[in-house]
Amino acid sequence: MPIDREKALAAEFPAGEGEYAADDVILYHLGIGAGNPPTDANELEYTYEKNLKVLPTFAVVARSGGGGGLRGLPGLEFNPAMLLHGEQSVVVHRPLPTSAKLRGKTRIKDVYDKGKAALVVLENEVSDDSGELLYTTGMSLFLRGEGGFGGPSGPKVSNEKPDRAPDGVVETRTLPQQALLYRLCGDKNPLHADPEFAKAGGFDQPIIHGLCSYGHTCKAIVDHVLGGDVTKVKGYEARFRGVGFPGETYVTSYWQEGNTLLVESKSKERDAIIISNAAMTLAS
């Protein structure tokens, strides 16, 4: 069978080493929309090394040396064109420094049978050069057309928003060149740059990366709800519900539930959900 859950769970990724510097952090922040307006004190803390802070979502692009693609792994046979990034999470064990040497170790945490698709859940644990755990990222990948292999269906979708008005709403505008900036963080998929390629994929124009929307939404909450304090975020997870287009305004709603903020982002222009089922865990 194309999907063999037991073989996939036993598959091993090689541990690896990587590093990042302040310029990588600044580029990432610019890629998700930081620096507008350029002389704002809070924006400068994202874009100028003088008092640089690191948004927790930088972890999703930091070069940890861990991981690798799914293709060729035992128990996983699929058409790469049918792969869809469904969910992303990050847990910060300590505030991210402005530069670090890293060592990452990736594993397949589980494989679920969703009927029409297989859902592969990856986890990457990353330590710094002291050997202490720095952050953990999680990623859920849908392999469309690979369901029906007899595995467990997995947990139900979590982080549903409450049936009440949000406790607050934040509007933030993306840049017309947002996707062109973000692709310099490592994802060079032409879907985010080439108009003809985007049209072939069913879009009128290149779209914003899902992980860019993920970071943009996190930044909106940090800036407008947490006073710009990146250290207040201990964890952040979200589902990629739809796509965003460069230049659009994101309308981010949040609901306070104890020590957690439940979050959803929509396109103001299209009234279309981009990020859903998001939860931000706050430092106590």
Protein backbone atom coordinates (compact mmCIF):
# COMPACT_ATOMS: atom_id res chain seq x y z
CA MET A 1 0.00 0.00 0.00
CA PRO A 2 1.18 3.56 -0.62
CA ILE A 3 0.79 4.43 3.08
CA ASP A 4 2.09 2.08 5.74
CA ARG A 5 1.56 3.82 9.07
CA GLU A 6 3.86 1.59 11.13
CA LYS A 7 6.76 1.95 8.71
CA ALA A 8 6.23 5.70 8.55
CA LEU A 9 6.25 6.04 12.34
CA ALA A 10 9.50 4.08 12.50
CA ALA A 11 11.19 6.22 9.84
CA GLU A 12 14.16 8.23 11.03
CA PHE A 13 15.31 11.65 9.94
CA PRO A 14 18.97 12.46 10.37
CA ALA A 15 19.77 15.01 13.06
CA GLY A 16 21.44 18.10 11.70
CA GLU A 17 22.99 21.40 12.62
CA GLY A 18 22.26 24.93 11.47
CA GLU A 19 22.46 28.51 12.55
CA TYR A 20 20.95 31.94 12.03
CA ALA A 21 22.00 35.54 12.57
CA ALA A 22 20.31 38.88 13.17
CA ASP A 23 19.99 39.57 9.44
CA ASP A 24 17.96 36.37 9.02
CA VAL A 25 15.60 37.50 11.77
CA ILE A 26 15.20 40.96 10.22
CA LEU A 27 14.54 39.49 6.75
CA TYR A 28 11.85 37.23 8.20
CA HIS A 29 10.17 40.12 9.97
CA LEU A 30 10.19 42.17 6.76
CA GLY A 31 8.77 39.14 4.96
CA ILE A 32 5.68 39.05 7.18
CA GLY A 33 5.07 42.80 6.97
CA ALA A 34 7.18 44.42 9.70
CA GLY A 35 8.68 47.87 9.21
CA ASN A 36 5.52 49.77 8.32
CA PRO A 37 5.75 52.62 9.21
CA PRO A 38 9.57 52.42 9.11
CA THR A 39 10.24 54.94 11.90
CA ASP A 40 7.77 53.44 14.40
CA ALA A 41 9.61 52.40 17.59
CA ASN A 42 7.91 49.00 17.76
CA GLU A 43 8.55 48.26 14.08
CA LEU A 44 12.21 49.15 14.48
CA GLU A 45 12.51 46.49 17.18
CA TYR A 46 11.66 43.97 14.44
CA THR A 47 13.83 45.50 11.73
CA TYR A 48 16.86 47.20 13.31
CA GLU A 49 19.58 45.33 15.18
CA LYS A 50 19.87 48.01 17.90
CA ASN A 51 17.03 46.60 20.05
CA LEU A 52 16.12 43.56 17.97
CA LYS A 53 13.47 41.15 19.22
CA VAL A 54 12.48 37.84 17.66
CA LEU A 55 8.90 36.88 16.92
CA PRO A 56 8.34 33.23 17.97
CA THR A 57 7.13 32.31 14.48
CA PHE A 58 10.65 32.91 13.18
CA ALA A 59 11.23 29.33 14.35
CA VAL A 60 9.39 28.01 11.28
CA VAL A 61 12.12 29.33 8.95
CA ALA A 62 15.20 29.13 11.21
CA ARG A 63 17.76 26.75 9.74
CA SER A 64 17.93 24.05 12.41
CA GLY A 65 19.49 21.35 10.26
CA GLY A 66 16.75 18.89 11.21
CA GLY A 67 14.14 17.37 8.99
CA GLY A 68 14.02 16.81 5.28
CA GLY A 69 11.31 15.98 2.78
CA LEU A 70 8.79 13.17 3.08
CA ARG A 71 9.60 11.73 -0.33
CA GLY A 72 11.50 8.49 -0.14
CA LEU A 73 10.63 7.77 3.47
CA PRO A 74 9.56 4.19 4.23
CA GLY A 75 5.79 3.79 4.34
CA LEU A 76 5.04 7.04 2.49
CA GLU A 77 4.38 6.90 -1.24
CA PHE A 78 2.47 9.86 -2.66
CA ASN A 79 2.25 12.37 -5.48
CA PRO A 80 4.09 15.51 -4.26
CA ALA A 81 1.69 17.68 -6.29
CA MET A 82 -1.08 16.50 -3.94
CA LEU A 83 0.68 17.60 -0.75
CA LEU A 84 -1.01 20.40 1.20
CA HIS A 85 0.33 22.17 4.29
CA GLY A 86 -2.65 22.09 6.64
CA GLU A 87 -1.52 23.22 10.09
CA GLN A 88 1.51 24.68 11.83
CA SER A 89 2.54 25.07 15.46
CA VAL A 90 5.44 26.35 17.50
CA VAL A 91 6.20 26.03 21.21
CA VAL A 92 8.91 28.33 22.55
CA HIS A 93 10.72 26.87 25.55
CA ARG A 94 12.86 29.98 25.95
CA PRO A 95 12.75 33.36 24.21
CA LEU A 96 14.48 33.10 20.84
CA PRO A 97 17.86 34.88 20.73
CA THR A 98 18.79 37.18 17.85
CA SER A 99 21.38 34.64 16.68
CA ALA A 100 22.02 31.01 17.52
CA LYS A 101 23.65 27.76 16.52
CA LEU A 102 21.04 25.04 16.36
CA ARG A 103 20.64 21.29 16.30
CA GLY A 104 17.34 19.85 15.10
CA LYS A 105 15.79 16.42 15.28
CA THR A 106 12.62 15.63 13.32
CA ARG A 107 10.24 12.72 13.67
CA ILE A 108 6.89 11.64 12.30
CA LYS A 109 4.62 12.04 15.28
CA ASP A 110 1.61 10.32 13.73
CA VAL A 111 -0.17 9.43 10.51
CA TYR A 112 -3.96 9.69 10.35
CA ASP A 113 -6.46 8.35 7.84
CA LYS A 114 -8.84 11.15 6.82
CA GLY A 115 -10.69 9.12 4.22
CA LYS A 116 -9.76 11.12 1.13
CA ALA A 117 -6.31 11.99 2.44
CA ALA A 118 -3.56 10.87 4.76
CA LEU A 119 -2.52 13.40 7.40
CA VAL A 120 1.16 13.27 8.39
CA VAL A 121 2.10 15.09 11.60
CA LEU A 122 5.76 16.10 11.88
CA GLU A 123 7.57 17.37 14.97
CA ASN A 124 10.97 19.09 15.06
CA GLU A 125 12.74 19.58 18.40
CA VAL A 126 15.49 22.18 18.25
CA SER A 127 18.24 22.80 20.81
CA ASP A 128 20.87 25.53 20.90
CA ASP A 129 24.61 24.96 21.26
CA SER A 130 24.21 24.57 25.04
CA GLY A 131 22.20 21.41 24.38
CA GLU A 132 19.04 22.86 25.97
CA LEU A 133 15.74 22.64 24.12
CA LEU A 134 14.93 26.03 22.53
CA TYR A 135 11.72 25.43 20.57
CA THR A 136 9.55 22.73 19.06
CA THR A 137 7.68 23.08 15.79
CA GLY A 138 4.85 20.94 14.47
CA MET A 139 3.51 20.60 10.96
CA SER A 140 0.49 18.74 9.57
CA LEU A 141 0.65 17.74 5.92
CA PHE A 142 -2.32 16.44 3.93
CA LEU A 143 -1.45 13.86 1.28
CA ARG A 144 -4.56 14.15 -0.85
CA GLY A 145 -5.80 10.93 -2.42
CA GLU A 146 -3.84 8.73 0.00
CA GLY A 147 -6.53 8.01 2.59
CA GLY A 148 -8.28 4.72 3.13
CA PHE A 149 -5.24 2.86 4.45
CA GLY A 150 -6.97 1.84 7.66
CA GLY A 151 -5.25 4.06 10.19
CA PRO A 152 -6.86 6.03 13.02
CA SER A 153 -8.81 9.11 12.00
CA GLY A 154 -7.08 11.29 14.58
CA PRO A 155 -8.47 13.93 16.92
CA LYS A 156 -11.21 16.33 15.92
CA VAL A 157 -10.33 19.84 14.87
CA SER A 158 -9.56 21.87 18.00
CA ASN A 159 -9.45 25.54 18.94
CA GLU A 160 -12.96 26.29 17.76
CA LYS A 161 -13.86 29.94 18.30
CA PRO A 162 -16.59 30.65 20.90
CA ASP A 163 -20.16 31.36 19.85
CA ARG A 164 -19.95 35.02 20.84
CA ALA A 165 -18.57 38.28 19.56
CA PRO A 166 -14.78 38.53 19.61
CA ASP A 167 -13.06 40.34 22.45
CA GLY A 168 -11.18 42.42 19.92
CA VAL A 169 -10.53 42.90 16.21
CA VAL A 170 -7.27 44.05 14.61
CA GLU A 171 -6.78 45.23 11.02
CA THR A 172 -3.34 45.00 9.40
CA ARG A 173 -2.46 45.53 5.77
CA THR A 174 -0.01 43.39 3.84
CA LEU A 175 2.38 44.91 1.32
CA PRO A 176 1.87 44.59 -2.46
CA GLN A 177 5.30 42.89 -2.61
CA GLN A 178 4.73 40.75 0.52
CA ALA A 179 5.08 37.37 -1.18
CA LEU A 180 8.21 38.48 -3.06
CA LEU A 181 9.84 39.42 0.24
CA TYR A 182 8.76 36.31 2.13
CA ARG A 183 10.06 33.91 -0.54
CA LEU A 184 13.59 35.07 0.37
CA CYS A 185 13.11 33.23 3.69
CA GLY A 186 13.43 29.96 1.78
CA ASP A 187 10.18 29.02 0.01
CA LYS A 188 10.81 29.75 -3.68
CA ASN A 189 7.59 28.14 -4.98
CA PRO A 190 6.72 30.13 -8.15
CA LEU A 191 3.08 30.13 -7.02
CA HIS A 192 4.06 33.14 -4.90
CA ALA A 193 5.85 35.11 -7.62
CA ASP A 194 4.99 34.03 -11.17
CA PRO A 195 1.58 35.32 -12.44
CA GLU A 196 1.35 32.66 -15.16
CA PHE A 197 2.18 29.86 -12.73
CA ALA A 198 -0.43 31.20 -10.31
CA LYS A 199 -3.08 31.27 -13.05
CA ALA A 200 -2.27 27.67 -13.91
CA GLY A 201 -2.92 26.89 -10.25
CA GLY A 202 -6.32 28.55 -10.35
CA PHE A 203 -5.43 31.95 -8.88
CA ASP A 204 -5.79 35.36 -10.52
CA GLN A 205 -2.42 36.42 -9.13
CA PRO A 206 0.42 35.02 -6.96
CA ILE A 207 -0.68 34.24 -3.42
CA ILE A 208 0.88 34.87 -0.03
CA HIS A 209 2.65 31.90 1.59
CA GLY A 210 0.60 30.19 4.28
CA LEU A 211 3.47 30.57 6.74
CA CYS A 212 3.63 34.28 5.92
CA SER A 213 -0.04 34.61 6.88
CA TYR A 214 0.75 32.56 9.98
CA GLY A 215 3.48 34.99 11.04
CA HIS A 216 1.56 38.11 9.99
CA THR A 217 -1.39 37.08 12.15
CA CYS A 218 0.86 36.30 15.12
CA LYS A 219 2.51 39.71 14.81
CA ALA A 220 -0.87 41.45 14.71
CA ILE A 221 -1.83 39.88 18.05
CA VAL A 222 1.56 40.53 19.63
CA ASP A 223 1.55 44.19 18.59
CA HIS A 224 -2.06 45.10 19.27
CA VAL A 225 -2.96 42.81 22.17
CA LEU A 226 0.31 41.98 23.93
CA GLY A 227 1.92 45.41 23.71
CA GLY A 228 4.62 44.22 21.32
CA ASP A 229 6.08 41.82 23.90
CA VAL A 230 7.16 38.72 21.97
CA THR A 231 8.14 36.92 25.19
CA LYS A 232 4.47 36.67 26.21
CA VAL A 233 3.91 34.02 23.53
CA LYS A 234 4.67 30.48 24.68
CA GLY A 235 2.89 28.64 21.90
CA TYR A 236 0.98 29.33 18.70
CA GLU A 237 -0.84 26.94 16.41
CA ALA A 238 -3.08 27.56 13.42
CA ARG A 239 -4.87 25.97 10.49
CA PHE A 240 -4.43 27.25 6.94
CA ARG A 241 -8.06 27.69 5.92
CA GLY A 242 -7.62 29.79 2.78
CA VAL A 243 -5.20 31.99 0.88
CA GLY A 244 -4.25 35.64 1.15
CA PHE A 245 -3.20 37.96 -1.65
CA PRO A 246 -0.45 40.60 -1.44
CA GLY A 247 -1.84 44.02 -0.56
CA GLU A 248 -4.92 42.71 1.21
CA THR A 249 -6.01 43.79 4.67
CA TYR A 250 -6.15 41.03 7.28
CA VAL A 251 -8.94 41.32 9.84
CA THR A 252 -7.81 39.34 12.88
CA SER A 253 -10.35 38.55 15.60
CA TYR A 254 -9.49 37.10 18.98
CA TRP A 255 -11.28 35.58 21.95
CA GLN A 256 -9.72 35.34 25.42
CA GLU A 257 -10.18 31.93 27.03
CA GLY A 258 -8.14 31.84 30.22
CA ASN A 259 -4.47 31.77 29.31
CA THR A 260 -5.22 31.28 25.63
CA LEU A 261 -6.24 33.57 22.80
CA LEU A 262 -8.31 31.91 20.08
CA VAL A 263 -7.67 33.63 16.77
CA GLU A 264 -9.08 33.88 13.25
CA SER A 265 -7.94 36.03 10.31
CA LYS A 266 -9.98 37.03 7.27
CA SER A 267 -9.40 39.02 4.12
CA LYS A 268 -11.27 42.30 4.52
CA GLU A 269 -11.63 42.69 0.77
CA ARG A 270 -13.05 39.22 0.11
CA ASP A 271 -14.53 38.34 3.53
CA ALA A 272 -12.68 35.02 3.18
CA ILE A 273 -11.07 33.15 6.08
CA ILE A 274 -7.29 32.78 5.76
CA ILE A 275 -6.22 31.52 9.21
CA SER A 276 -8.64 29.59 11.44
CA ASN A 277 -8.63 27.42 14.56
CA ALA A 278 -5.62 29.32 15.82
CA ALA A 279 -4.63 29.38 19.48
CA MET A 280 -1.94 31.44 21.15
CA THR A 281 -0.81 30.24 24.58
CA LEU A 282 0.39 33.07 26.81
CA ALA A 283 3.09 33.10 29.44
CA SER A 284 1.56 32.98 32.91
